Amino acid sequence: MVNSPMRAYGALLVVVAAAVSGAVILSGFVAIDFVLDTVTVWGYMAAVGVMIVCAVVSWLTDLPGILSSEFGSGGQ
């Protein structure tokens, strides 16, 4: 399959979105009052939704394979 920059950076965007959502979700476990004051309940639920979407995208596409083939050394 032909590697395209859009596919590579799209996969990277999914990983970044999952990392940001994960940070929001983790901070909800550590300091819930701060999260509810800054992000609000709707923002927290949106972070959970984004994390679920990222998991589904990763499951439907070979996200680790795309990232390793595009950004990994690949033994070269």
PDB file of N, CA and C in Angstrom:
ATOM      1  N   MET A   1       0.839  -1.173   0.000  1.00  0.00           N
ATOM      2  CA  MET A   1       0.000   0.000   0.000  1.00  0.00           C
ATOM      3  C   MET A   1       0.887   1.241   0.000  1.00  0.00           C
ATOM      4  N   VAL A   2       0.474   2.253  -0.705  1.00  0.00           N
ATOM      5  CA  VAL A   2       1.234   3.488  -0.812  1.00  0.00           C
ATOM      6  C   VAL A   2       1.070   4.290   0.476  1.00  0.00           C
ATOM      7  N   ASN A   3       2.195   4.733   1.020  1.00  0.00           N
ATOM      8  CA  ASN A   3       2.151   5.555   2.230  1.00  0.00           C
ATOM      9  C   ASN A   3       1.924   7.004   1.833  1.00  0.00           C
ATOM     10  N   SER A   4       0.956   7.630   2.452  1.00  0.00           N
ATOM     11  CA  SER A   4       0.681   9.025   2.142  1.00  0.00           C
ATOM     12  C   SER A   4       0.870   9.866   3.399  1.00  0.00           C
ATOM     13  N   PRO A   5       1.292  11.111   3.224  1.00  0.00           N
ATOM     14  CA  PRO A   5       1.470  11.984   4.387  1.00  0.00           C
ATOM     15  C   PRO A   5       0.167  12.248   5.133  1.00  0.00           C
ATOM     16  N   MET A   6      -0.953  12.295   4.412  1.00  0.00           N
ATOM     17  CA  MET A   6      -2.232  12.532   5.079  1.00  0.00           C
ATOM     18  C   MET A   6      -2.576  11.384   6.020  1.00  0.00           C
ATOM     19  N   ARG A   7      -2.284  10.168   5.591  1.00  0.00           N
ATOM     20  CA  ARG A   7      -2.553   8.993   6.423  1.00  0.00           C
ATOM     21  C   ARG A   7      -1.663   9.007   7.665  1.00  0.00           C
ATOM     22  N   ALA A   8      -0.414   9.384   7.483  1.00  0.00           N
ATOM     23  CA  ALA A   8       0.526   9.407   8.602  1.00  0.00           C
ATOM     24  C   ALA A   8       0.151  10.471   9.619  1.00  0.00           C
ATOM     25  N   TYR A   9      -0.114  11.673   9.143  1.00  0.00           N
ATOM     26  CA  TYR A   9      -0.431  12.748  10.077  1.00  0.00           C
ATOM     27  C   TYR A   9      -1.847  12.634  10.627  1.00  0.00           C
ATOM     28  N   GLY A  10      -2.721  11.970   9.921  1.00  0.00           N
ATOM     29  CA  GLY A  10      -4.036  11.659  10.475  1.00  0.00           C
ATOM     30  C   GLY A  10      -3.926  10.700  11.644  1.00  0.00           C
ATOM     31  N   ALA A  11      -3.073   9.694  11.498  1.00  0.00           N
ATOM     32  CA  ALA A  11      -2.842   8.751  12.598  1.00  0.00           C
ATOM     33  C   ALA A  11      -2.208   9.460  13.780  1.00  0.00           C
ATOM     34  N   LEU A  12      -1.289  10.363  13.497  1.00  0.00           N
ATOM     35  CA  LEU A  12      -0.656  11.122  14.572  1.00  0.00           C
ATOM     36  C   LEU A  12      -1.662  12.034  15.267  1.00  0.00           C
ATOM     37  N   LEU A  13      -2.592  12.598  14.519  1.00  0.00           N
ATOM     38  CA  LEU A  13      -3.635  13.433  15.097  1.00  0.00           C
ATOM     39  C   LEU A  13      -4.537  12.631  16.034  1.00  0.00           C
ATOM     40  N   VAL A  14      -4.840  11.395  15.660  1.00  0.00           N
ATOM     41  CA  VAL A  14      -5.650  10.537  16.522  1.00  0.00           C
ATOM     42  C   VAL A  14      -4.921  10.259  17.833  1.00  0.00           C
ATOM     43  N   VAL A  15      -3.621  10.027  17.761  1.00  0.00           N
ATOM     44  CA  VAL A  15      -2.841   9.764  18.975  1.00  0.00           C
ATOM     45  C   VAL A  15      -2.782  11.006  19.861  1.00  0.00           C
ATOM     46  N   VAL A  16      -2.609  12.165  19.268  1.00  0.00           N
ATOM     47  CA  VAL A  16      -2.564  13.408  20.059  1.00  0.00           C
ATOM     48  C   VAL A  16      -3.918  13.685  20.708  1.00  0.00           C
ATOM     49  N   ALA A  17      -4.997  13.480  19.964  1.00  0.00           N
ATOM     50  CA  ALA A  17      -6.335  13.677  20.532  1.00  0.00           C
ATOM     51  C   ALA A  17      -6.585  12.711  21.681  1.00  0.00           C
ATOM     52  N   ALA A  18      -6.134  11.472  21.535  1.00  0.00           N
ATOM     53  CA  ALA A  18      -6.297  10.496  22.616  1.00  0.00           C
ATOM     54  C   ALA A  18      -5.455  10.877  23.825  1.00  0.00           C
ATOM     55  N   ALA A  19      -4.272  11.413  23.602  1.00  0.00           N
ATOM     56  CA  ALA A  19      -3.418  11.822  24.720  1.00  0.00           C
ATOM     57  C   ALA A  19      -4.016  13.003  25.483  1.00  0.00           C
ATOM     58  N   VAL A  20      -4.540  13.977  24.759  1.00  0.00           N
ATOM     59  CA  VAL A  20      -5.163  15.134  25.419  1.00  0.00           C
ATOM     60  C   VAL A  20      -6.413  14.695  26.183  1.00  0.00           C
ATOM     61  N   SER A  21      -7.221  13.854  25.561  1.00  0.00           N
ATOM     62  CA  SER A  21      -8.421  13.356  26.240  1.00  0.00           C
ATOM     63  C   SER A  21      -8.046  12.524  27.458  1.00  0.00           C
ATOM     64  N   GLY A  22      -7.013  11.731  27.318  1.00  0.00           N
ATOM     65  CA  GLY A  22      -6.546  10.933  28.449  1.00  0.00           C
ATOM     66  C   GLY A  22      -6.059  11.796  29.598  1.00  0.00           C
ATOM     67  N   ALA A  23      -5.405  12.895  29.274  1.00  0.00           N
ATOM     68  CA  ALA A  23      -4.943  13.806  30.327  1.00  0.00           C
ATOM     69  C   ALA A  23      -6.120  14.448  31.053  1.00  0.00           C
ATOM     70  N   VAL A  24      -7.158  14.807  30.311  1.00  0.00           N
ATOM     71  CA  VAL A  24      -8.350  15.384  30.943  1.00  0.00           C
ATOM     72  C   VAL A  24      -9.037  14.345  31.826  1.00  0.00           C
ATOM     73  N   ILE A  25      -9.163  13.127  31.324  1.00  0.00           N
ATOM     74  CA  ILE A  25      -9.813  12.065  32.098  1.00  0.00           C
ATOM     75  C   ILE A  25      -8.998  11.740  33.342  1.00  0.00           C
ATOM     76  N   LEU A  26      -7.677  11.640  33.209  1.00  0.00           N
ATOM     77  CA  LEU A  26      -6.818  11.353  34.355  1.00  0.00           C
ATOM     78  C   LEU A  26      -6.893  12.457  35.396  1.00  0.00           C
ATOM     79  N   SER A  27      -6.911  13.704  34.938  1.00  0.00           N
ATOM     80  CA  SER A  27      -6.999  14.804  35.896  1.00  0.00           C
ATOM     81  C   SER A  27      -8.340  14.799  36.622  1.00  0.00           C
ATOM     82  N   GLY A  28      -9.365  14.235  35.996  1.00  0.00           N
ATOM     83  CA  GLY A  28     -10.649  14.098  36.676  1.00  0.00           C
ATOM     84  C   GLY A  28     -10.576  13.142  37.852  1.00  0.00           C
ATOM     85  N   PHE A  29      -9.704  12.155  37.777  1.00  0.00           N
ATOM     86  CA  PHE A  29      -9.521  11.239  38.902  1.00  0.00           C
ATOM     87  C   PHE A  29      -8.642  11.845  39.987  1.00  0.00           C
ATOM     88  N   VAL A  30      -7.730  12.728  39.593  1.00  0.00           N
ATOM     89  CA  VAL A  30      -6.793  13.298  40.553  1.00  0.00           C
ATOM     90  C   VAL A  30      -7.387  14.519  41.260  1.00  0.00           C
ATOM     91  N   ALA A  31      -7.966  15.441  40.497  1.00  0.00           N
ATOM     92  CA  ALA A  31      -8.488  16.686  41.065  1.00  0.00           C
ATOM     93  C   ALA A  31      -9.820  17.016  40.404  1.00  0.00           C
ATOM     94  N   ILE A  32     -10.864  16.346  40.824  1.00  0.00           N
ATOM     95  CA  ILE A  32     -12.167  16.489  40.172  1.00  0.00           C
ATOM     96  C   ILE A  32     -12.730  17.897  40.311  1.00  0.00           C
ATOM     97  N   ASP A  33     -12.494  18.557  41.436  1.00  0.00           N
ATOM     98  CA  ASP A  33     -13.018  19.915  41.611  1.00  0.00           C
ATOM     99  C   ASP A  33     -12.409  20.879  40.604  1.00  0.00           C
ATOM    100  N   PHE A  34     -11.104  20.765  40.391  1.00  0.00           N
ATOM    101  CA  PHE A  34     -10.423  21.627  39.426  1.00  0.00           C
ATOM    102  C   PHE A  34     -10.938  21.371  38.009  1.00  0.00           C
ATOM    103  N   VAL A  35     -11.127  20.103  37.663  1.00  0.00           N
ATOM    104  CA  VAL A  35     -11.605  19.752  36.325  1.00  0.00           C
ATOM    105  C   VAL A  35     -13.020  20.264  36.103  1.00  0.00           C
ATOM    106  N   LEU A  36     -13.883  20.085  37.076  1.00  0.00           N
ATOM    107  CA  LEU A  36     -15.261  20.538  36.923  1.00  0.00           C
ATOM    108  C   LEU A  36     -15.359  22.056  36.863  1.00  0.00           C
ATOM    109  N   ASP A  37     -14.424  22.749  37.514  1.00  0.00           N
ATOM    110  CA  ASP A  37     -14.424  24.218  37.443  1.00  0.00           C
ATOM    111  C   ASP A  37     -13.877  24.716  36.119  1.00  0.00           C
ATOM    112  N   THR A  38     -12.891  24.043  35.551  1.00  0.00           N
ATOM    113  CA  THR A  38     -12.254  24.540  34.333  1.00  0.00           C
ATOM    114  C   THR A  38     -12.854  23.938  33.063  1.00  0.00           C
ATOM    115  N   VAL A  39     -13.025  22.627  33.046  1.00  0.00           N
ATOM    116  CA  VAL A  39     -13.481  21.955  31.828  1.00  0.00           C
ATOM    117  C   VAL A  39     -14.995  21.796  31.812  1.00  0.00           C
ATOM    118  N   THR A  40     -15.621  21.731  32.908  1.00  0.00           N
ATOM    119  CA  THR A  40     -17.049  21.487  33.151  1.00  0.00           C
ATOM    120  C   THR A  40     -17.402  20.025  32.868  1.00  0.00           C
ATOM    121  N   VAL A  41     -18.584  19.672  33.255  1.00  0.00           N
ATOM    122  CA  VAL A  41     -19.047  18.293  33.076  1.00  0.00           C
ATOM    123  C   VAL A  41     -19.151  17.953  31.599  1.00  0.00           C
ATOM    124  N   TRP A  42     -19.603  18.915  30.795  1.00  0.00           N
ATOM    125  CA  TRP A  42     -19.768  18.653  29.357  1.00  0.00           C
ATOM    126  C   TRP A  42     -18.416  18.451  28.685  1.00  0.00           C
ATOM    127  N   GLY A  43     -17.421  19.199  29.097  1.00  0.00           N
ATOM    128  CA  GLY A  43     -16.085  19.014  28.555  1.00  0.00           C
ATOM    129  C   GLY A  43     -15.486  17.677  28.946  1.00  0.00           C
ATOM    130  N   TYR A  44     -15.760  17.261  30.177  1.00  0.00           N
ATOM    131  CA  TYR A  44     -15.276  15.962  30.642  1.00  0.00           C
ATOM    132  C   TYR A  44     -15.949  14.832  29.860  1.00  0.00           C
ATOM    133  N   MET A  45     -17.248  14.950  29.654  1.00  0.00           N
ATOM    134  CA  MET A  45     -17.950  13.928  28.866  1.00  0.00           C
ATOM    135  C   MET A  45     -17.494  13.950  27.413  1.00  0.00           C
ATOM    136  N   ALA A  46     -17.167  15.121  26.886  1.00  0.00           N
ATOM    137  CA  ALA A  46     -16.636  15.207  25.525  1.00  0.00           C
ATOM    138  C   ALA A  46     -15.277  14.530  25.432  1.00  0.00           C
ATOM    139  N   ALA A  47     -14.462  14.662  26.470  1.00  0.00           N
ATOM    140  CA  ALA A  47     -13.157  13.997  26.485  1.00  0.00           C
ATOM    141  C   ALA A  47     -13.323  12.475  26.477  1.00  0.00           C
ATOM    142  N   VAL A  48     -14.298  11.997  27.225  1.00  0.00           N
ATOM    143  CA  VAL A  48     -14.582  10.559  27.214  1.00  0.00           C
ATOM    144  C   VAL A  48     -15.056  10.125  25.833  1.00  0.00           C
ATOM    145  N   GLY A  49     -15.913  10.928  25.205  1.00  0.00           N
ATOM    146  CA  GLY A  49     -16.387  10.617  23.857  1.00  0.00           C
ATOM    147  C   GLY A  49     -15.265  10.610  22.834  1.00  0.00           C
ATOM    148  N   VAL A  50     -14.359  11.583  22.926  1.00  0.00           N
ATOM    149  CA  VAL A  50     -13.224  11.632  22.006  1.00  0.00           C
ATOM    150  C   VAL A  50     -12.332  10.409  22.207  1.00  0.00           C
ATOM    151  N   MET A  51     -12.154  10.001  23.443  1.00  0.00           N
ATOM    152  CA  MET A  51     -11.332   8.817  23.722  1.00  0.00           C
ATOM    153  C   MET A  51     -11.964   7.565  23.125  1.00  0.00           C
ATOM    154  N   ILE A  52     -13.274   7.454  23.201  1.00  0.00           N
ATOM    155  CA  ILE A  52     -13.957   6.301  22.615  1.00  0.00           C
ATOM    156  C   ILE A  52     -13.823   6.317  21.095  1.00  0.00           C
ATOM    157  N   VAL A  53     -13.977   7.485  20.493  1.00  0.00           N
ATOM    158  CA  VAL A  53     -13.824   7.593  19.035  1.00  0.00           C
ATOM    159  C   VAL A  53     -12.399   7.239  18.619  1.00  0.00           C
ATOM    160  N   CYS A  54     -11.420   7.708  19.361  1.00  0.00           N
ATOM    161  CA  CYS A  54     -10.026   7.377  19.048  1.00  0.00           C
ATOM    162  C   CYS A  54      -9.768   5.878  19.177  1.00  0.00           C
ATOM    163  N   ALA A  55     -10.374   5.246  20.166  1.00  0.00           N
ATOM    164  CA  ALA A  55     -10.208   3.797  20.323  1.00  0.00           C
ATOM    165  C   ALA A  55     -10.837   3.048  19.158  1.00  0.00           C
ATOM    166  N   VAL A  56     -11.987   3.493  18.708  1.00  0.00           N
ATOM    167  CA  VAL A  56     -12.650   2.834  17.571  1.00  0.00           C
ATOM    168  C   VAL A  56     -11.837   3.025  16.291  1.00  0.00           C
ATOM    169  N   VAL A  57     -11.327   4.229  16.067  1.00  0.00           N
ATOM    170  CA  VAL A  57     -10.500   4.485  14.887  1.00  0.00           C
ATOM    171  C   VAL A  57      -9.239   3.625  14.936  1.00  0.00           C
ATOM    172  N   SER A  58      -8.636   3.520  16.107  1.00  0.00           N
ATOM    173  CA  SER A  58      -7.446   2.691  16.244  1.00  0.00           C
ATOM    174  C   SER A  58      -7.756   1.225  15.991  1.00  0.00           C
ATOM    175  N   TRP A  59      -8.928   0.790  16.392  1.00  0.00           N
ATOM    176  CA  TRP A  59      -9.314  -0.602  16.207  1.00  0.00           C
ATOM    177  C   TRP A  59      -9.648  -0.905  14.750  1.00  0.00           C
ATOM    178  N   LEU A  60     -10.312   0.026  14.075  1.00  0.00           N
ATOM    179  CA  LEU A  60     -10.704  -0.197  12.686  1.00  0.00           C
ATOM    180  C   LEU A  60      -9.531  -0.078  11.713  1.00  0.00           C
ATOM    181  N   THR A  61      -8.583   0.767  12.032  1.00  0.00           N
ATOM    182  CA  THR A  61      -7.383   0.891  11.205  1.00  0.00           C
ATOM    183  C   THR A  61      -6.212   0.341  12.007  1.00  0.00           C
ATOM    184  N   ASP A  62      -5.157   0.011  11.347  1.00  0.00           N
ATOM    185  CA  ASP A  62      -3.968  -0.483  12.038  1.00  0.00           C
ATOM    186  C   ASP A  62      -3.136   0.716  12.473  1.00  0.00           C
ATOM    187  N   LEU A  63      -3.604   1.405  13.498  1.00  0.00           N
ATOM    188  CA  LEU A  63      -2.963   2.641  13.922  1.00  0.00           C
ATOM    189  C   LEU A  63      -1.512   2.428  14.365  1.00  0.00           C
ATOM    190  N   PRO A  64      -1.202   1.432  15.189  1.00  0.00           N
ATOM    191  CA  PRO A  64       0.210   1.225  15.539  1.00  0.00           C
ATOM    192  C   PRO A  64       1.070   0.869  14.321  1.00  0.00           C
ATOM    193  N   GLY A  65       0.508   0.111  13.404  1.00  0.00           N
ATOM    194  CA  GLY A  65       1.249  -0.234  12.198  1.00  0.00           C
ATOM    195  C   GLY A  65       1.520   0.968  11.322  1.00  0.00           C
ATOM    196  N   ILE A  66       0.524   1.846  11.196  1.00  0.00           N
ATOM    197  CA  ILE A  66       0.699   3.068  10.399  1.00  0.00           C
ATOM    198  C   ILE A  66       1.781   3.947  11.020  1.00  0.00           C
ATOM    199  N   LEU A  67       1.714   4.124  12.326  1.00  0.00           N
ATOM    200  CA  LEU A  67       2.681   4.988  12.997  1.00  0.00           C
ATOM    201  C   LEU A  67       4.094   4.418  12.924  1.00  0.00           C
ATOM    202  N   SER A  68       4.218   3.102  13.093  1.00  0.00           N
ATOM    203  CA  SER A  68       5.569   2.529  13.044  1.00  0.00           C
ATOM    204  C   SER A  68       6.133   2.532  11.626  1.00  0.00           C
ATOM    205  N   SER A  69       5.271   2.345  10.614  1.00  0.00           N
ATOM    206  CA  SER A  69       5.788   2.356   9.250  1.00  0.00           C
ATOM    207  C   SER A  69       6.113   3.763   8.773  1.00  0.00           C
ATOM    208  N   GLU A  70       5.386   4.760   9.269  1.00  0.00           N
ATOM    209  CA  GLU A  70       5.610   6.121   8.813  1.00  0.00           C
ATOM    210  C   GLU A  70       6.678   6.857   9.630  1.00  0.00           C
ATOM    211  N   PHE A  71       6.657   6.658  10.949  1.00  0.00           N
ATOM    212  CA  PHE A  71       7.543   7.440  11.805  1.00  0.00           C
ATOM    213  C   PHE A  71       8.649   6.612  12.458  1.00  0.00           C
ATOM    214  N   GLY A  72       8.533   5.283  12.407  1.00  0.00           N
ATOM    215  CA  GLY A  72       9.552   4.421  12.987  1.00  0.00           C
ATOM    216  C   GLY A  72      10.736   4.287  12.067  1.00  0.00           C
ATOM    217  N   SER A  73      11.814   3.737  12.605  1.00  0.00           N
ATOM    218  CA  SER A  73      13.018   3.577  11.783  1.00  0.00           C
ATOM    219  C   SER A  73      12.832   2.458  10.773  1.00  0.00           C
ATOM    220  N   GLY A  74      12.075   1.422  11.131  1.00  0.00           N
ATOM    221  CA  GLY A  74      11.825   0.324  10.200  1.00  0.00           C
ATOM    222  C   GLY A  74      13.076  -0.456   9.864  1.00  0.00           C
ATOM    223  N   GLY A  75      14.093  -0.379  10.722  1.00  0.00           N
ATOM    224  CA  GLY A  75      15.327  -1.104  10.482  1.00  0.00           C
ATOM    225  C   GLY A  75      16.186  -0.478   9.398  1.00  0.00           C
ATOM    226  N   GLN A  76      15.927   0.745   9.040  1.00  0.00           N
ATOM    227  CA  GLN A  76      16.707   1.404   7.987  1.00  0.00           C
ATOM    228  C   GLN A  76      17.708   2.354   8.563  1.00  0.00           C
TER     229      GLN A  76
END
